Amino acid sequence: MSITLLDGTLQVNVFYEKGDHEFEDNVCISFKEDCPEDEKIFYAGETNIFITSAQARELAALLIKAADQSNHGSR
């Protein structure tokens, strides 16, 4: 599952890493940038963050809460 942000320069992929099923932190958030070096927000062209399923659910809930607040604030 992926989304492109920042005018198409940042691709964010989120996936379950099957090869890491024995580890608790097997949900990957992968950031891949396609922009000039001086515009990058990460040092590497691709950055992966591995989190637990509980952390993924908490992050999802926080994003939904912020989106709900944004919707209500813009009315």
PDB file of N, CA and C in Angstrom:
ATOM      1  N   MET A   1       0.844  -1.154   0.000  1.00  0.00           N
ATOM      2  CA  MET A   1       0.000   0.000   0.000  1.00  0.00           C
ATOM      3  C   MET A   1       0.898   1.227   0.000  1.00  0.00           C
ATOM      4  N   SER A   2       0.624   2.144  -0.912  1.00  0.00           N
ATOM      5  CA  SER A   2       1.494   3.306  -0.970  1.00  0.00           C
ATOM      6  C   SER A   2       0.710   4.574  -1.245  1.00  0.00           C
ATOM      7  N   ILE A   3       1.343   5.679  -0.902  1.00  0.00           N
ATOM      8  CA  ILE A   3       0.799   7.004  -1.148  1.00  0.00           C
ATOM      9  C   ILE A   3       1.970   7.890  -1.554  1.00  0.00           C
ATOM     10  N   THR A   4       1.697   8.821  -2.450  1.00  0.00           N
ATOM     11  CA  THR A   4       2.712   9.771  -2.872  1.00  0.00           C
ATOM     12  C   THR A   4       2.378  11.128  -2.274  1.00  0.00           C
ATOM     13  N   LEU A   5       3.383  11.753  -1.649  1.00  0.00           N
ATOM     14  CA  LEU A   5       3.207  13.027  -0.960  1.00  0.00           C
ATOM     15  C   LEU A   5       4.180  14.070  -1.510  1.00  0.00           C
ATOM     16  N   LEU A   6       4.051  15.283  -1.019  1.00  0.00           N
ATOM     17  CA  LEU A   6       4.973  16.383  -1.334  1.00  0.00           C
ATOM     18  C   LEU A   6       5.149  16.565  -2.840  1.00  0.00           C
ATOM     19  N   ASP A   7       4.026  16.779  -3.508  1.00  0.00           N
ATOM     20  CA  ASP A   7       4.019  17.009  -4.961  1.00  0.00           C
ATOM     21  C   ASP A   7       4.699  15.893  -5.747  1.00  0.00           C
ATOM     22  N   GLY A   8       4.537  14.671  -5.282  1.00  0.00           N
ATOM     23  CA  GLY A   8       5.052  13.510  -5.994  1.00  0.00           C
ATOM     24  C   GLY A   8       6.504  13.167  -5.736  1.00  0.00           C
ATOM     25  N   THR A   9       7.159  13.871  -4.816  1.00  0.00           N
ATOM     26  CA  THR A   9       8.583  13.618  -4.576  1.00  0.00           C
ATOM     27  C   THR A   9       8.845  12.605  -3.469  1.00  0.00           C
ATOM     28  N   LEU A  10       7.824  12.267  -2.689  1.00  0.00           N
ATOM     29  CA  LEU A  10       8.001  11.318  -1.586  1.00  0.00           C
ATOM     30  C   LEU A  10       6.966  10.207  -1.702  1.00  0.00           C
ATOM     31  N   GLN A  11       7.447   8.991  -1.852  1.00  0.00           N
ATOM     32  CA  GLN A  11       6.563   7.830  -1.892  1.00  0.00           C
ATOM     33  C   GLN A  11       6.668   7.113  -0.557  1.00  0.00           C
ATOM     34  N   VAL A  12       5.511   6.863   0.061  1.00  0.00           N
ATOM     35  CA  VAL A  12       5.462   6.164   1.339  1.00  0.00           C
ATOM     36  C   VAL A  12       4.757   4.830   1.111  1.00  0.00           C
ATOM     37  N   ASN A  13       5.469   3.746   1.373  1.00  0.00           N
ATOM     38  CA  ASN A  13       4.913   2.396   1.268  1.00  0.00           C
ATOM     39  C   ASN A  13       4.791   1.819   2.667  1.00  0.00           C
ATOM     40  N   VAL A  14       3.691   1.141   2.922  1.00  0.00           N
ATOM     41  CA  VAL A  14       3.482   0.481   4.210  1.00  0.00           C
ATOM     42  C   VAL A  14       3.136  -0.974   3.915  1.00  0.00           C
ATOM     43  N   PHE A  15       3.876  -1.890   4.560  1.00  0.00           N
ATOM     44  CA  PHE A  15       3.627  -3.299   4.281  1.00  0.00           C
ATOM     45  C   PHE A  15       4.098  -4.178   5.435  1.00  0.00           C
ATOM     46  N   TYR A  16       3.537  -5.378   5.465  1.00  0.00           N
ATOM     47  CA  TYR A  16       3.951  -6.416   6.410  1.00  0.00           C
ATOM     48  C   TYR A  16       5.124  -7.151   5.783  1.00  0.00           C
ATOM     49  N   GLU A  17       6.239  -7.196   6.475  1.00  0.00           N
ATOM     50  CA  GLU A  17       7.444  -7.869   5.975  1.00  0.00           C
ATOM     51  C   GLU A  17       7.387  -9.344   6.365  1.00  0.00           C
ATOM     52  N   LYS A  18       6.924 -10.189   5.443  1.00  0.00           N
ATOM     53  CA  LYS A  18       6.749 -11.619   5.720  1.00  0.00           C
ATOM     54  C   LYS A  18       8.044 -12.290   6.152  1.00  0.00           C
ATOM     55  N   GLY A  19       9.168 -11.853   5.598  1.00  0.00           N
ATOM     56  CA  GLY A  19      10.449 -12.451   5.938  1.00  0.00           C
ATOM     57  C   GLY A  19      10.869 -12.199   7.377  1.00  0.00           C
ATOM     58  N   ASP A  20      10.244 -11.226   8.014  1.00  0.00           N
ATOM     59  CA  ASP A  20      10.555 -10.892   9.410  1.00  0.00           C
ATOM     60  C   ASP A  20       9.449 -11.333  10.365  1.00  0.00           C
ATOM     61  N   HIS A  21       8.690 -12.369   9.978  1.00  0.00           N
ATOM     62  CA  HIS A  21       7.539 -12.781  10.783  1.00  0.00           C
ATOM     63  C   HIS A  21       7.913 -13.191  12.206  1.00  0.00           C
ATOM     64  N   GLU A  22       9.175 -13.588  12.422  1.00  0.00           N
ATOM     65  CA  GLU A  22       9.576 -13.994  13.774  1.00  0.00           C
ATOM     66  C   GLU A  22       9.875 -12.794  14.672  1.00  0.00           C
ATOM     67  N   PHE A  23       9.963 -11.612  14.075  1.00  0.00           N
ATOM     68  CA  PHE A  23      10.217 -10.399  14.854  1.00  0.00           C
ATOM     69  C   PHE A  23       8.912  -9.677  15.154  1.00  0.00           C
ATOM     70  N   GLU A  24       8.874  -8.998  16.281  1.00  0.00           N
ATOM     71  CA  GLU A  24       7.681  -8.256  16.666  1.00  0.00           C
ATOM     72  C   GLU A  24       7.487  -7.022  15.785  1.00  0.00           C
ATOM     73  N   ASP A  25       8.584  -6.383  15.390  1.00  0.00           N
ATOM     74  CA  ASP A  25       8.480  -5.169  14.569  1.00  0.00           C
ATOM     75  C   ASP A  25       8.622  -5.529  13.083  1.00  0.00           C
ATOM     76  N   ASN A  26       7.531  -6.053  12.513  1.00  0.00           N
ATOM     77  CA  ASN A  26       7.564  -6.530  11.135  1.00  0.00           C
ATOM     78  C   ASN A  26       6.630  -5.757  10.201  1.00  0.00           C
ATOM     79  N   VAL A  27       6.171  -4.599  10.643  1.00  0.00           N
ATOM     80  CA  VAL A  27       5.415  -3.699   9.780  1.00  0.00           C
ATOM     81  C   VAL A  27       6.395  -2.622   9.328  1.00  0.00           C
ATOM     82  N   CYS A  28       6.548  -2.484   8.025  1.00  0.00           N
ATOM     83  CA  CYS A  28       7.542  -1.557   7.485  1.00  0.00           C
ATOM     84  C   CYS A  28       6.870  -0.314   6.915  1.00  0.00           C
ATOM     85  N   ILE A  29       7.416   0.833   7.261  1.00  0.00           N
ATOM     86  CA  ILE A  29       7.056   2.097   6.626  1.00  0.00           C
ATOM     87  C   ILE A  29       8.297   2.501   5.839  1.00  0.00           C
ATOM     88  N   SER A  30       8.175   2.533   4.529  1.00  0.00           N
ATOM     89  CA  SER A  30       9.307   2.815   3.651  1.00  0.00           C
ATOM     90  C   SER A  30       9.101   4.166   2.977  1.00  0.00           C
ATOM     91  N   PHE A  31      10.096   5.025   3.100  1.00  0.00           N
ATOM     92  CA  PHE A  31      10.067   6.353   2.494  1.00  0.00           C
ATOM     93  C   PHE A  31      11.088   6.378   1.363  1.00  0.00           C
ATOM     94  N   LYS A  32      10.637   6.714   0.158  1.00  0.00           N
ATOM     95  CA  LYS A  32      11.536   6.785  -0.995  1.00  0.00           C
ATOM     96  C   LYS A  32      11.357   8.159  -1.644  1.00  0.00           C
ATOM     97  N   GLU A  33      12.478   8.883  -1.765  1.00  0.00           N
ATOM     98  CA  GLU A  33      12.429  10.239  -2.311  1.00  0.00           C
ATOM     99  C   GLU A  33      12.948  10.282  -3.740  1.00  0.00           C
ATOM    100  N   ASP A  34      12.278  11.088  -4.559  1.00  0.00           N
ATOM    101  CA  ASP A  34      12.682  11.316  -5.936  1.00  0.00           C
ATOM    102  C   ASP A  34      12.712  12.821  -6.168  1.00  0.00           C
ATOM    103  N   CYS A  35      13.811  13.438  -5.728  1.00  0.00           N
ATOM    104  CA  CYS A  35      13.957  14.885  -5.850  1.00  0.00           C
ATOM    105  C   CYS A  35      15.441  15.243  -5.776  1.00  0.00           C
ATOM    106  N   PRO A  36      15.792  16.481  -6.108  1.00  0.00           N
ATOM    107  CA  PRO A  36      17.193  16.901  -5.993  1.00  0.00           C
ATOM    108  C   PRO A  36      17.694  16.769  -4.552  1.00  0.00           C
ATOM    109  N   GLU A  37      18.990  16.517  -4.407  1.00  0.00           N
ATOM    110  CA  GLU A  37      19.603  16.309  -3.088  1.00  0.00           C
ATOM    111  C   GLU A  37      19.285  17.432  -2.105  1.00  0.00           C
ATOM    112  N   ASP A  38      19.311  18.675  -2.565  1.00  0.00           N
ATOM    113  CA  ASP A  38      19.106  19.806  -1.654  1.00  0.00           C
ATOM    114  C   ASP A  38      17.659  19.964  -1.198  1.00  0.00           C
ATOM    115  N   GLU A  39      16.746  19.174  -1.769  1.00  0.00           N
ATOM    116  CA  GLU A  39      15.342  19.222  -1.370  1.00  0.00           C
ATOM    117  C   GLU A  39      14.932  18.036  -0.501  1.00  0.00           C
ATOM    118  N   LYS A  40      15.826  17.073  -0.325  1.00  0.00           N
ATOM    119  CA  LYS A  40      15.486  15.857   0.419  1.00  0.00           C
ATOM    120  C   LYS A  40      15.296  16.143   1.903  1.00  0.00           C
ATOM    121  N   ILE A  41      14.365  15.401   2.507  1.00  0.00           N
ATOM    122  CA  ILE A  41      14.156  15.508   3.953  1.00  0.00           C
ATOM    123  C   ILE A  41      14.824  14.349   4.694  1.00  0.00           C
ATOM    124  N   PHE A  42      15.216  13.308   3.968  1.00  0.00           N
ATOM    125  CA  PHE A  42      15.969  12.189   4.530  1.00  0.00           C
ATOM    126  C   PHE A  42      17.364  12.192   3.914  1.00  0.00           C
ATOM    127  N   TYR A  43      18.336  11.650   4.630  1.00  0.00           N
ATOM    128  CA  TYR A  43      19.702  11.569   4.105  1.00  0.00           C
ATOM    129  C   TYR A  43      19.813  10.556   2.977  1.00  0.00           C
ATOM    130  N   ALA A  44      19.183   9.417   3.142  1.00  0.00           N
ATOM    131  CA  ALA A  44      19.254   8.348   2.140  1.00  0.00           C
ATOM    132  C   ALA A  44      18.111   8.488   1.145  1.00  0.00           C
ATOM    133  N   GLY A  45      18.280   7.891  -0.014  1.00  0.00           N
ATOM    134  CA  GLY A  45      17.216   7.906  -1.008  1.00  0.00           C
ATOM    135  C   GLY A  45      16.020   7.074  -0.586  1.00  0.00           C
ATOM    136  N   GLU A  46      16.279   6.071   0.259  1.00  0.00           N
ATOM    137  CA  GLU A  46      15.213   5.226   0.800  1.00  0.00           C
ATOM    138  C   GLU A  46      15.482   4.985   2.277  1.00  0.00           C
ATOM    139  N   THR A  47      14.448   5.180   3.091  1.00  0.00           N
ATOM    140  CA  THR A  47      14.552   4.987   4.537  1.00  0.00           C
ATOM    141  C   THR A  47      13.426   4.071   4.978  1.00  0.00           C
ATOM    142  N   ASN A  48      13.758   3.019   5.736  1.00  0.00           N
ATOM    143  CA  ASN A  48      12.758   2.078   6.240  1.00  0.00           C
ATOM    144  C   ASN A  48      12.693   2.155   7.756  1.00  0.00           C
ATOM    145  N   ILE A  49      11.474   2.171   8.263  1.00  0.00           N
ATOM    146  CA  ILE A  49      11.235   2.145   9.702  1.00  0.00           C
ATOM    147  C   ILE A  49      10.355   0.929   9.977  1.00  0.00           C
ATOM    148  N   PHE A  50      10.799   0.073  10.873  1.00  0.00           N
ATOM    149  CA  PHE A  50      10.027  -1.116  11.231  1.00  0.00           C
ATOM    150  C   PHE A  50       9.376  -0.900  12.590  1.00  0.00           C
ATOM    151  N   ILE A  51       8.070  -1.159  12.652  1.00  0.00           N
ATOM    152  CA  ILE A  51       7.309  -0.969  13.882  1.00  0.00           C
ATOM    153  C   ILE A  51       6.469  -2.215  14.161  1.00  0.00           C
ATOM    154  N   THR A  52       5.978  -2.306  15.388  1.00  0.00           N
ATOM    155  CA  THR A  52       5.121  -3.434  15.765  1.00  0.00           C
ATOM    156  C   THR A  52       3.700  -3.198  15.257  1.00  0.00           C
ATOM    157  N   SER A  53       2.896  -4.247  15.262  1.00  0.00           N
ATOM    158  CA  SER A  53       1.503  -4.095  14.835  1.00  0.00           C
ATOM    159  C   SER A  53       0.754  -3.151  15.771  1.00  0.00           C
ATOM    160  N   ALA A  54       1.074  -3.184  17.064  1.00  0.00           N
ATOM    161  CA  ALA A  54       0.428  -2.267  18.014  1.00  0.00           C
ATOM    162  C   ALA A  54       0.801  -0.820  17.700  1.00  0.00           C
ATOM    163  N   GLN A  55       2.064  -0.582  17.383  1.00  0.00           N
ATOM    164  CA  GLN A  55       2.489   0.772  17.027  1.00  0.00           C
ATOM    165  C   GLN A  55       1.837   1.221  15.719  1.00  0.00           C
ATOM    166  N   ALA A  56       1.685   0.312  14.770  1.00  0.00           N
ATOM    167  CA  ALA A  56       1.028   0.640  13.505  1.00  0.00           C
ATOM    168  C   ALA A  56      -0.422   1.044  13.745  1.00  0.00           C
ATOM    169  N   ARG A  57      -1.106   0.314  14.621  1.00  0.00           N
ATOM    170  CA  ARG A  57      -2.495   0.656  14.940  1.00  0.00           C
ATOM    171  C   ARG A  57      -2.579   2.002  15.658  1.00  0.00           C
ATOM    172  N   GLU A  58      -1.639   2.264  16.558  1.00  0.00           N
ATOM    173  CA  GLU A  58      -1.622   3.543  17.273  1.00  0.00           C
ATOM    174  C   GLU A  58      -1.354   4.696  16.304  1.00  0.00           C
ATOM    175  N   LEU A  59      -0.410   4.515  15.394  1.00  0.00           N
ATOM    176  CA  LEU A  59      -0.116   5.539  14.393  1.00  0.00           C
ATOM    177  C   LEU A  59      -1.330   5.793  13.507  1.00  0.00           C
ATOM    178  N   ALA A  60      -2.003   4.728  13.086  1.00  0.00           N
ATOM    179  CA  ALA A  60      -3.207   4.864  12.265  1.00  0.00           C
ATOM    180  C   ALA A  60      -4.283   5.643  13.010  1.00  0.00           C
ATOM    181  N   ALA A  61      -4.476   5.340  14.289  1.00  0.00           N
ATOM    182  CA  ALA A  61      -5.480   6.044  15.093  1.00  0.00           C
ATOM    183  C   ALA A  61      -5.130   7.523  15.229  1.00  0.00           C
ATOM    184  N   LEU A  62      -3.849   7.829  15.430  1.00  0.00           N
ATOM    185  CA  LEU A  62      -3.421   9.226  15.546  1.00  0.00           C
ATOM    186  C   LEU A  62      -3.635   9.982  14.241  1.00  0.00           C
ATOM    187  N   LEU A  63      -3.353   9.343  13.115  1.00  0.00           N
ATOM    188  CA  LEU A  63      -3.577   9.977  11.817  1.00  0.00           C
ATOM    189  C   LEU A  63      -5.062  10.239  11.582  1.00  0.00           C
ATOM    190  N   ILE A  64      -5.903   9.280  11.929  1.00  0.00           N
ATOM    191  CA  ILE A  64      -7.350   9.456  11.770  1.00  0.00           C
ATOM    192  C   ILE A  64      -7.848  10.581  12.666  1.00  0.00           C
ATOM    193  N   LYS A  65      -7.368  10.633  13.906  1.00  0.00           N
ATOM    194  CA  LYS A  65      -7.778  11.689  14.829  1.00  0.00           C
ATOM    195  C   LYS A  65      -7.382  13.062  14.289  1.00  0.00           C
ATOM    196  N   ALA A  66      -6.159  13.197  13.797  1.00  0.00           N
ATOM    197  CA  ALA A  66      -5.707  14.474  13.234  1.00  0.00           C
ATOM    198  C   ALA A  66      -6.518  14.846  11.994  1.00  0.00           C
ATOM    199  N   ALA A  67      -6.831  13.860  11.149  1.00  0.00           N
ATOM    200  CA  ALA A  67      -7.635  14.114   9.956  1.00  0.00           C
ATOM    201  C   ALA A  67      -9.040  14.560  10.342  1.00  0.00           C
ATOM    202  N   ASP A  68      -9.624  13.922  11.355  1.00  0.00           N
ATOM    203  CA  ASP A  68     -10.950  14.321  11.835  1.00  0.00           C
ATOM    204  C   ASP A  68     -10.929  15.752  12.359  1.00  0.00           C
ATOM    205  N   GLN A  69      -9.903  16.099  13.124  1.00  0.00           N
ATOM    206  CA  GLN A  69      -9.782  17.460  13.649  1.00  0.00           C
ATOM    207  C   GLN A  69      -9.613  18.459  12.510  1.00  0.00           C
ATOM    208  N   SER A  70      -8.861  18.091  11.496  1.00  0.00           N
ATOM    209  CA  SER A  70      -8.663  18.958  10.339  1.00  0.00           C
ATOM    210  C   SER A  70      -9.980  19.194   9.606  1.00  0.00           C
ATOM    211  N   ASN A  71     -10.772  18.137   9.439  1.00  0.00           N
ATOM    212  CA  ASN A  71     -12.072  18.266   8.777  1.00  0.00           C
ATOM    213  C   ASN A  71     -12.999  19.184   9.550  1.00  0.00           C
ATOM    214  N   HIS A  72     -13.014  19.039  10.873  1.00  0.00           N
ATOM    215  CA  HIS A  72     -13.894  19.860  11.698  1.00  0.00           C
ATOM    216  C   HIS A  72     -13.400  21.295  11.770  1.00  0.00           C
ATOM    217  N   GLY A  73     -12.099  21.490  11.757  1.00  0.00           N
ATOM    218  CA  GLY A  73     -11.525  22.826  11.850  1.00  0.00           C
ATOM    219  C   GLY A  73     -11.680  23.638  10.585  1.00  0.00           C
ATOM    220  N   SER A  74     -11.873  22.971   9.450  1.00  0.00           N
ATOM    221  CA  SER A  74     -11.971  23.692   8.182  1.00  0.00           C
ATOM    222  C   SER A  74     -13.409  24.000   7.786  1.00  0.00           C
ATOM    223  N   ARG A  75     -14.343  23.714   8.675  1.00  0.00           N
ATOM    224  CA  ARG A  75     -15.761  23.995   8.360  1.00  0.00           C
ATOM    225  C   ARG A  75     -16.132  25.391   8.762  1.00  0.00           C
TER     226      ARG A  75
END
